[in-house]
Amino acid sequence: MTRGGRDKDLDDGPERRCIVSGDSQPKAGLIRFVVGPDAVVVPDVMGRLPGRGIYVSSDPAMIAKAAQKGLFTRAARTPVKAPDGLAELVEVLLMRRVLESLSLARKAGQAVTGYEKVKEWLVKGQAIALIQASDGSERGKSKLRPPDRKNGFIGCLTSQEMGLAFGREHAIHGALAAGGLGKRVVDEAVRLAGFREQAGGTPADEDRQDA
């Protein structure tokens, strides 16, 4: 993904049709929903819940429209209820997935934080993606260049969220290495980025060399 917004050129894979736009696209750019036992629409961000999948583009406006216009009922071909705040719930679930995956990547040695460590990985070509806090200092963030590859930049997490994944109060810079967990973080972040601005915001604490 790019600094300016969500990367629309998602990885190839099985395609599904968004019930709002009618467009077909790879599943990586969609949120899967299923109908629960109480006829309530349930987001399935891991894509593992049983039942027929209903897909909506990874965009809060699309999800809100699907809920408000009764499109989930039309797709399910039976009356269903979309809970209030469904788009907000999806965002929280996506954020948790990204942080869980990033934390696992850190423990496996596939993710680091700290300006100097991140810079070293980038210089050596070891990093597949640069992670920078959305509320970090633009001055400090501009000192590091992401890898020249698709989805080589992740900027949809706040410094506090990054800190949770890296086991510290906050973090500004991070990097991912090649490997299954690193790729998982990138894939999950692509979807989360559809819900969040990836640039701007209020700077966090003054950018530090160890952040």
C-alpha atoms as a PDB file:
ATOM      1  CA  MET A   1       0.000   0.000   0.000  1.00  0.00           C
ATOM      2  CA  THR A   2       1.157   3.568  -0.471  1.00  0.00           C
ATOM      3  CA  ARG A   3       1.585   6.461   1.932  1.00  0.00           C
ATOM      4  CA  GLY A   4      -1.340   8.274   0.350  1.00  0.00           C
ATOM      5  CA  GLY A   5      -4.007   5.642   0.661  1.00  0.00           C
ATOM      6  CA  ARG A   6      -5.096   2.112   0.224  1.00  0.00           C
ATOM      7  CA  ASP A   7      -3.451   0.070  -2.488  1.00  0.00           C
ATOM      8  CA  LYS A   8      -6.165  -1.081  -4.873  1.00  0.00           C
ATOM      9  CA  ASP A   9      -3.801  -3.477  -6.607  1.00  0.00           C
ATOM     10  CA  LEU A  10      -4.341  -6.302  -4.146  1.00  0.00           C
ATOM     11  CA  ASP A  11      -2.781  -9.719  -4.363  1.00  0.00           C
ATOM     12  CA  ASP A  12      -4.312 -12.144  -6.800  1.00  0.00           C
ATOM     13  CA  GLY A  13      -6.627 -14.723  -5.335  1.00  0.00           C
ATOM     14  CA  PRO A  14     -10.194 -16.044  -5.415  1.00  0.00           C
ATOM     15  CA  GLU A  15     -12.609 -13.283  -6.325  1.00  0.00           C
ATOM     16  CA  ARG A  16     -15.937 -12.511  -4.695  1.00  0.00           C
ATOM     17  CA  ARG A  17     -18.641  -9.979  -5.476  1.00  0.00           C
ATOM     18  CA  CYS A  18     -19.340  -7.019  -3.216  1.00  0.00           C
ATOM     19  CA  ILE A  19     -23.080  -6.877  -2.467  1.00  0.00           C
ATOM     20  CA  VAL A  20     -22.996  -3.062  -2.462  1.00  0.00           C
ATOM     21  CA  SER A  21     -20.944  -2.080  -5.500  1.00  0.00           C
ATOM     22  CA  GLY A  22     -21.539  -5.240  -7.508  1.00  0.00           C
ATOM     23  CA  ASP A  23     -17.848  -5.356  -8.371  1.00  0.00           C
ATOM     24  CA  SER A  24     -15.847  -8.566  -8.167  1.00  0.00           C
ATOM     25  CA  GLN A  25     -12.392  -8.434  -6.640  1.00  0.00           C
ATOM     26  CA  PRO A  26      -9.906 -10.634  -4.753  1.00  0.00           C
ATOM     27  CA  LYS A  27     -11.046 -11.631  -1.275  1.00  0.00           C
ATOM     28  CA  ALA A  28      -8.186  -9.644   0.277  1.00  0.00           C
ATOM     29  CA  GLY A  29     -10.081  -6.443  -0.479  1.00  0.00           C
ATOM     30  CA  LEU A  30     -13.379  -7.632   0.969  1.00  0.00           C
ATOM     31  CA  ILE A  31     -14.869  -8.308   4.387  1.00  0.00           C
ATOM     32  CA  ARG A  32     -16.700 -11.591   4.790  1.00  0.00           C
ATOM     33  CA  PHE A  33     -19.903 -11.731   6.799  1.00  0.00           C
ATOM     34  CA  VAL A  34     -22.048 -14.681   7.810  1.00  0.00           C
ATOM     35  CA  VAL A  35     -25.485 -14.958   9.346  1.00  0.00           C
ATOM     36  CA  GLY A  36     -25.370 -16.141  12.956  1.00  0.00           C
ATOM     37  CA  PRO A  37     -27.870 -18.487  14.649  1.00  0.00           C
ATOM     38  CA  ASP A  38     -29.991 -15.511  15.765  1.00  0.00           C
ATOM     39  CA  ALA A  39     -30.251 -14.157  12.204  1.00  0.00           C
ATOM     40  CA  VAL A  40     -27.704 -11.462  13.080  1.00  0.00           C
ATOM     41  CA  VAL A  41     -24.981 -10.475  10.632  1.00  0.00           C
ATOM     42  CA  VAL A  42     -21.543 -11.378  12.014  1.00  0.00           C
ATOM     43  CA  PRO A  43     -18.225 -10.111  10.578  1.00  0.00           C
ATOM     44  CA  ASP A  44     -15.817 -12.933   9.815  1.00  0.00           C
ATOM     45  CA  VAL A  45     -12.479 -11.165   9.410  1.00  0.00           C
ATOM     46  CA  MET A  46     -10.575 -14.475   9.595  1.00  0.00           C
ATOM     47  CA  GLY A  47     -12.768 -16.089   6.956  1.00  0.00           C
ATOM     48  CA  ARG A  48     -13.300 -19.233   8.996  1.00  0.00           C
ATOM     49  CA  LEU A  49     -16.847 -19.078  10.354  1.00  0.00           C
ATOM     50  CA  PRO A  50     -19.285 -21.658   8.987  1.00  0.00           C
ATOM     51  CA  GLY A  51     -22.052 -20.572   6.696  1.00  0.00           C
ATOM     52  CA  ARG A  52     -22.487 -18.911   3.335  1.00  0.00           C
ATOM     53  CA  GLY A  53     -20.222 -15.887   2.994  1.00  0.00           C
ATOM     54  CA  ILE A  54     -21.557 -12.444   2.173  1.00  0.00           C
ATOM     55  CA  TYR A  55     -18.891 -10.023   0.972  1.00  0.00           C
ATOM     56  CA  VAL A  56     -18.612  -6.248   1.233  1.00  0.00           C
ATOM     57  CA  SER A  57     -15.717  -4.067   0.128  1.00  0.00           C
ATOM     58  CA  SER A  58     -13.283  -3.206   2.916  1.00  0.00           C
ATOM     59  CA  ASP A  59     -14.765   0.256   3.321  1.00  0.00           C
ATOM     60  CA  PRO A  60     -16.845   1.540   6.278  1.00  0.00           C
ATOM     61  CA  ALA A  61     -19.201   3.487   4.012  1.00  0.00           C
ATOM     62  CA  MET A  62     -19.961   0.355   2.006  1.00  0.00           C
ATOM     63  CA  ILE A  63     -20.636  -1.662   5.149  1.00  0.00           C
ATOM     64  CA  ALA A  64     -22.870   1.070   6.579  1.00  0.00           C
ATOM     65  CA  LYS A  65     -24.812   1.229   3.304  1.00  0.00           C
ATOM     66  CA  ALA A  66     -25.260  -2.540   3.243  1.00  0.00           C
ATOM     67  CA  ALA A  67     -26.713  -2.403   6.753  1.00  0.00           C
ATOM     68  CA  GLN A  68     -28.933   0.621   6.149  1.00  0.00           C
ATOM     69  CA  LYS A  69     -30.321  -0.486   2.779  1.00  0.00           C
ATOM     70  CA  GLY A  70     -31.133  -4.046   3.753  1.00  0.00           C
ATOM     71  CA  LEU A  71     -28.557  -5.486   1.368  1.00  0.00           C
ATOM     72  CA  PHE A  72     -27.527  -8.203   3.811  1.00  0.00           C
ATOM     73  CA  THR A  73     -31.120  -9.461   3.820  1.00  0.00           C
ATOM     74  CA  ARG A  74     -31.194  -9.446   0.029  1.00  0.00           C
ATOM     75  CA  ALA A  75     -27.906 -11.336  -0.209  1.00  0.00           C
ATOM     76  CA  ALA A  76     -28.901 -13.866   2.462  1.00  0.00           C
ATOM     77  CA  ARG A  77     -32.350 -14.312   0.892  1.00  0.00           C
ATOM     78  CA  THR A  78     -33.849 -14.291   4.355  1.00  0.00           C
ATOM     79  CA  PRO A  79     -34.559 -11.552   6.914  1.00  0.00           C
ATOM     80  CA  VAL A  80     -31.425 -10.756   8.907  1.00  0.00           C
ATOM     81  CA  LYS A  81     -30.435  -8.000  11.310  1.00  0.00           C
ATOM     82  CA  ALA A  82     -27.279  -5.924  10.965  1.00  0.00           C
ATOM     83  CA  PRO A  83     -26.225  -4.678  14.433  1.00  0.00           C
ATOM     84  CA  ASP A  84     -25.667  -1.002  15.103  1.00  0.00           C
ATOM     85  CA  GLY A  85     -22.084   0.144  14.643  1.00  0.00           C
ATOM     86  CA  LEU A  86     -21.235  -2.763  12.347  1.00  0.00           C
ATOM     87  CA  ALA A  87     -18.527  -0.833  10.477  1.00  0.00           C
ATOM     88  CA  GLU A  88     -16.913   0.245  13.757  1.00  0.00           C
ATOM     89  CA  LEU A  89     -16.947  -3.361  14.967  1.00  0.00           C
ATOM     90  CA  VAL A  90     -15.226  -4.479  11.778  1.00  0.00           C
ATOM     91  CA  GLU A  91     -12.520  -1.861  12.268  1.00  0.00           C
ATOM     92  CA  VAL A  92     -11.846  -3.037  15.815  1.00  0.00           C
ATOM     93  CA  LEU A  93     -11.649  -6.668  14.705  1.00  0.00           C
ATOM     94  CA  LEU A  94      -9.314  -5.830  11.824  1.00  0.00           C
ATOM     95  CA  MET A  95      -7.090  -3.772  14.091  1.00  0.00           C
ATOM     96  CA  ARG A  96      -6.862  -6.636  16.581  1.00  0.00           C
ATOM     97  CA  ARG A  97      -5.927  -9.030  13.785  1.00  0.00           C
ATOM     98  CA  VAL A  98      -3.134  -6.759  12.609  1.00  0.00           C
ATOM     99  CA  LEU A  99      -1.771  -6.300  16.129  1.00  0.00           C
ATOM    100  CA  GLU A 100      -1.961 -10.021  16.933  1.00  0.00           C
ATOM    101  CA  SER A 101      -0.145 -10.883  13.711  1.00  0.00           C
ATOM    102  CA  LEU A 102       2.452  -8.154  14.276  1.00  0.00           C
ATOM    103  CA  SER A 103       3.059  -9.356  17.831  1.00  0.00           C
ATOM    104  CA  LEU A 104       3.594 -12.918  16.593  1.00  0.00           C
ATOM    105  CA  ALA A 105       5.943 -11.645  13.883  1.00  0.00           C
ATOM    106  CA  ARG A 106       7.953  -9.781  16.530  1.00  0.00           C
ATOM    107  CA  LYS A 107       8.257 -12.888  18.687  1.00  0.00           C
ATOM    108  CA  ALA A 108       9.360 -14.892  15.647  1.00  0.00           C
ATOM    109  CA  GLY A 109      12.030 -12.367  14.742  1.00  0.00           C
ATOM    110  CA  GLN A 110      10.176 -11.214  11.637  1.00  0.00           C
ATOM    111  CA  ALA A 111       9.417  -7.712  12.950  1.00  0.00           C
ATOM    112  CA  VAL A 112      11.473  -5.066  14.746  1.00  0.00           C
ATOM    113  CA  THR A 113      10.900  -1.579  16.079  1.00  0.00           C
ATOM    114  CA  GLY A 114      13.285   1.249  16.915  1.00  0.00           C
ATOM    115  CA  TYR A 115      14.667   3.736  14.428  1.00  0.00           C
ATOM    116  CA  GLU A 116      18.163   2.291  14.183  1.00  0.00           C
ATOM    117  CA  LYS A 117      17.045  -1.340  13.895  1.00  0.00           C
ATOM    118  CA  VAL A 118      14.451  -0.449  11.272  1.00  0.00           C
ATOM    119  CA  LYS A 119      16.981   1.618   9.326  1.00  0.00           C
ATOM    120  CA  GLU A 120      19.429  -1.289   9.375  1.00  0.00           C
ATOM    121  CA  TRP A 121      16.852  -3.705   7.997  1.00  0.00           C
ATOM    122  CA  LEU A 122      15.933  -1.244   5.241  1.00  0.00           C
ATOM    123  CA  VAL A 123      19.549  -0.562   4.260  1.00  0.00           C
ATOM    124  CA  LYS A 124      20.373  -4.280   4.133  1.00  0.00           C
ATOM    125  CA  GLY A 125      17.257  -5.033   2.075  1.00  0.00           C
ATOM    126  CA  GLN A 126      16.006  -7.301   4.820  1.00  0.00           C
ATOM    127  CA  ALA A 127      12.642  -5.541   5.204  1.00  0.00           C
ATOM    128  CA  ILE A 128       9.634  -6.305   3.032  1.00  0.00           C
ATOM    129  CA  ALA A 129       7.619  -3.459   4.567  1.00  0.00           C
ATOM    130  CA  LEU A 130       8.142  -0.311   6.611  1.00  0.00           C
ATOM    131  CA  ILE A 131       5.586   0.371   9.351  1.00  0.00           C
ATOM    132  CA  GLN A 132       5.164   3.935  10.618  1.00  0.00           C
ATOM    133  CA  ALA A 133       2.652   5.321  13.091  1.00  0.00           C
ATOM    134  CA  SER A 134      -0.095   7.420  11.536  1.00  0.00           C
ATOM    135  CA  ASP A 135       0.298   9.977  14.354  1.00  0.00           C
ATOM    136  CA  GLY A 136       4.091  10.032  14.258  1.00  0.00           C
ATOM    137  CA  SER A 137       6.167  13.087  13.391  1.00  0.00           C
ATOM    138  CA  GLU A 138       6.279  13.580   9.632  1.00  0.00           C
ATOM    139  CA  ARG A 139       9.784  14.998  10.000  1.00  0.00           C
ATOM    140  CA  GLY A 140      11.014  11.854  11.681  1.00  0.00           C
ATOM    141  CA  LYS A 141       9.121   9.483   9.397  1.00  0.00           C
ATOM    142  CA  SER A 142      10.492  11.106   6.258  1.00  0.00           C
ATOM    143  CA  LYS A 143      14.009   9.944   7.178  1.00  0.00           C
ATOM    144  CA  LEU A 144      13.152   6.358   6.280  1.00  0.00           C
ATOM    145  CA  ARG A 145      12.161   5.097   2.844  1.00  0.00           C
ATOM    146  CA  PRO A 146       9.938   2.035   2.440  1.00  0.00           C
ATOM    147  CA  PRO A 147      11.016  -0.890   0.261  1.00  0.00           C
ATOM    148  CA  ASP A 148      10.293  -0.385  -3.426  1.00  0.00           C
ATOM    149  CA  ARG A 149       7.653  -3.065  -3.685  1.00  0.00           C
ATOM    150  CA  LYS A 150       3.888  -3.410  -3.617  1.00  0.00           C
ATOM    151  CA  ASN A 151       2.466  -2.896  -0.126  1.00  0.00           C
ATOM    152  CA  GLY A 152       5.903  -1.933   1.128  1.00  0.00           C
ATOM    153  CA  PHE A 153       4.507   0.734   3.457  1.00  0.00           C
ATOM    154  CA  ILE A 154       2.035   0.326   6.328  1.00  0.00           C
ATOM    155  CA  GLY A 155       0.762   3.531   7.886  1.00  0.00           C
ATOM    156  CA  CYS A 156      -2.668   2.669   9.274  1.00  0.00           C
ATOM    157  CA  LEU A 157      -1.685   2.057  12.915  1.00  0.00           C
ATOM    158  CA  THR A 158      -1.327   4.643  15.663  1.00  0.00           C
ATOM    159  CA  SER A 159       1.791   4.818  17.816  1.00  0.00           C
ATOM    160  CA  GLN A 160      -0.126   3.387  20.777  1.00  0.00           C
ATOM    161  CA  GLU A 161      -1.416   0.457  18.717  1.00  0.00           C
ATOM    162  CA  MET A 162       2.082  -0.261  17.427  1.00  0.00           C
ATOM    163  CA  GLY A 163       3.316  -0.108  21.002  1.00  0.00           C
ATOM    164  CA  LEU A 164       0.833  -2.786  22.042  1.00  0.00           C
ATOM    165  CA  ALA A 165       2.136  -5.109  19.353  1.00  0.00           C
ATOM    166  CA  PHE A 166       5.782  -4.453  20.225  1.00  0.00           C
ATOM    167  CA  GLY A 167       5.305  -4.637  23.994  1.00  0.00           C
ATOM    168  CA  ARG A 168       6.041  -1.004  24.790  1.00  0.00           C
ATOM    169  CA  GLU A 169       4.170   2.205  25.519  1.00  0.00           C
ATOM    170  CA  HIS A 170       4.323   3.413  21.948  1.00  0.00           C
ATOM    171  CA  ALA A 171       6.317   2.894  18.754  1.00  0.00           C
ATOM    172  CA  ILE A 172       6.795   5.049  15.679  1.00  0.00           C
ATOM    173  CA  HIS A 173       8.866   2.893  13.317  1.00  0.00           C
ATOM    174  CA  GLY A 174       8.719  -0.804  12.562  1.00  0.00           C
ATOM    175  CA  ALA A 175       9.845  -3.182   9.848  1.00  0.00           C
ATOM    176  CA  LEU A 176       8.777  -6.606   8.636  1.00  0.00           C
ATOM    177  CA  ALA A 177      11.015  -9.342   7.271  1.00  0.00           C
ATOM    178  CA  ALA A 178      10.105 -11.980   4.733  1.00  0.00           C
ATOM    179  CA  GLY A 179       8.176 -14.929   6.116  1.00  0.00           C
ATOM    180  CA  GLY A 180       4.681 -16.168   6.625  1.00  0.00           C
ATOM    181  CA  LEU A 181       3.951 -13.917   9.598  1.00  0.00           C
ATOM    182  CA  GLY A 182       5.346 -10.832   7.888  1.00  0.00           C
ATOM    183  CA  LYS A 183       3.148 -11.454   4.866  1.00  0.00           C
ATOM    184  CA  ARG A 184       0.153 -11.990   7.132  1.00  0.00           C
ATOM    185  CA  VAL A 185       0.685  -8.585   8.741  1.00  0.00           C
ATOM    186  CA  VAL A 186       0.832  -6.951   5.318  1.00  0.00           C
ATOM    187  CA  ASP A 187      -2.331  -8.707   4.125  1.00  0.00           C
ATOM    188  CA  GLU A 188      -4.272  -7.790   7.270  1.00  0.00           C
ATOM    189  CA  ALA A 189      -3.027  -4.187   7.133  1.00  0.00           C
ATOM    190  CA  VAL A 190      -4.280  -3.806   3.558  1.00  0.00           C
ATOM    191  CA  ARG A 191      -7.817  -4.377   4.757  1.00  0.00           C
ATOM    192  CA  LEU A 192      -7.465  -2.176   7.829  1.00  0.00           C
ATOM    193  CA  ALA A 193      -6.120   0.621   5.650  1.00  0.00           C
ATOM    194  CA  GLY A 194      -9.484   0.712   3.869  1.00  0.00           C
ATOM    195  CA  PHE A 195     -10.980   2.028   7.098  1.00  0.00           C
ATOM    196  CA  ARG A 196      -8.357   4.564   8.024  1.00  0.00           C
ATOM    197  CA  GLU A 197      -6.483   7.508   6.666  1.00  0.00           C
ATOM    198  CA  GLN A 198      -2.860   6.588   6.145  1.00  0.00           C
ATOM    199  CA  ALA A 199      -1.414  10.078   6.181  1.00  0.00           C
ATOM    200  CA  GLY A 200      -1.656  13.142   8.395  1.00  0.00           C
ATOM    201  CA  GLY A 201      -2.994  13.201  11.920  1.00  0.00           C
ATOM    202  CA  THR A 202      -1.673  14.729  15.102  1.00  0.00           C
ATOM    203  CA  PRO A 203       2.001  13.961  15.729  1.00  0.00           C
ATOM    204  CA  ALA A 204       2.701  11.693  18.670  1.00  0.00           C
ATOM    205  CA  ASP A 205       5.454  12.364  21.174  1.00  0.00           C
ATOM    206  CA  GLU A 206       8.543  13.875  19.589  1.00  0.00           C
ATOM    207  CA  ASP A 207      10.067  11.272  17.320  1.00  0.00           C
ATOM    208  CA  ARG A 208      12.833   9.448  19.180  1.00  0.00           C
ATOM    209  CA  GLN A 209      15.731   7.375  17.914  1.00  0.00           C
ATOM    210  CA  ASP A 210      14.524   4.447  20.029  1.00  0.00           C
ATOM    211  CA  ALA A 211      10.839   4.760  19.112  1.00  0.00           C
END
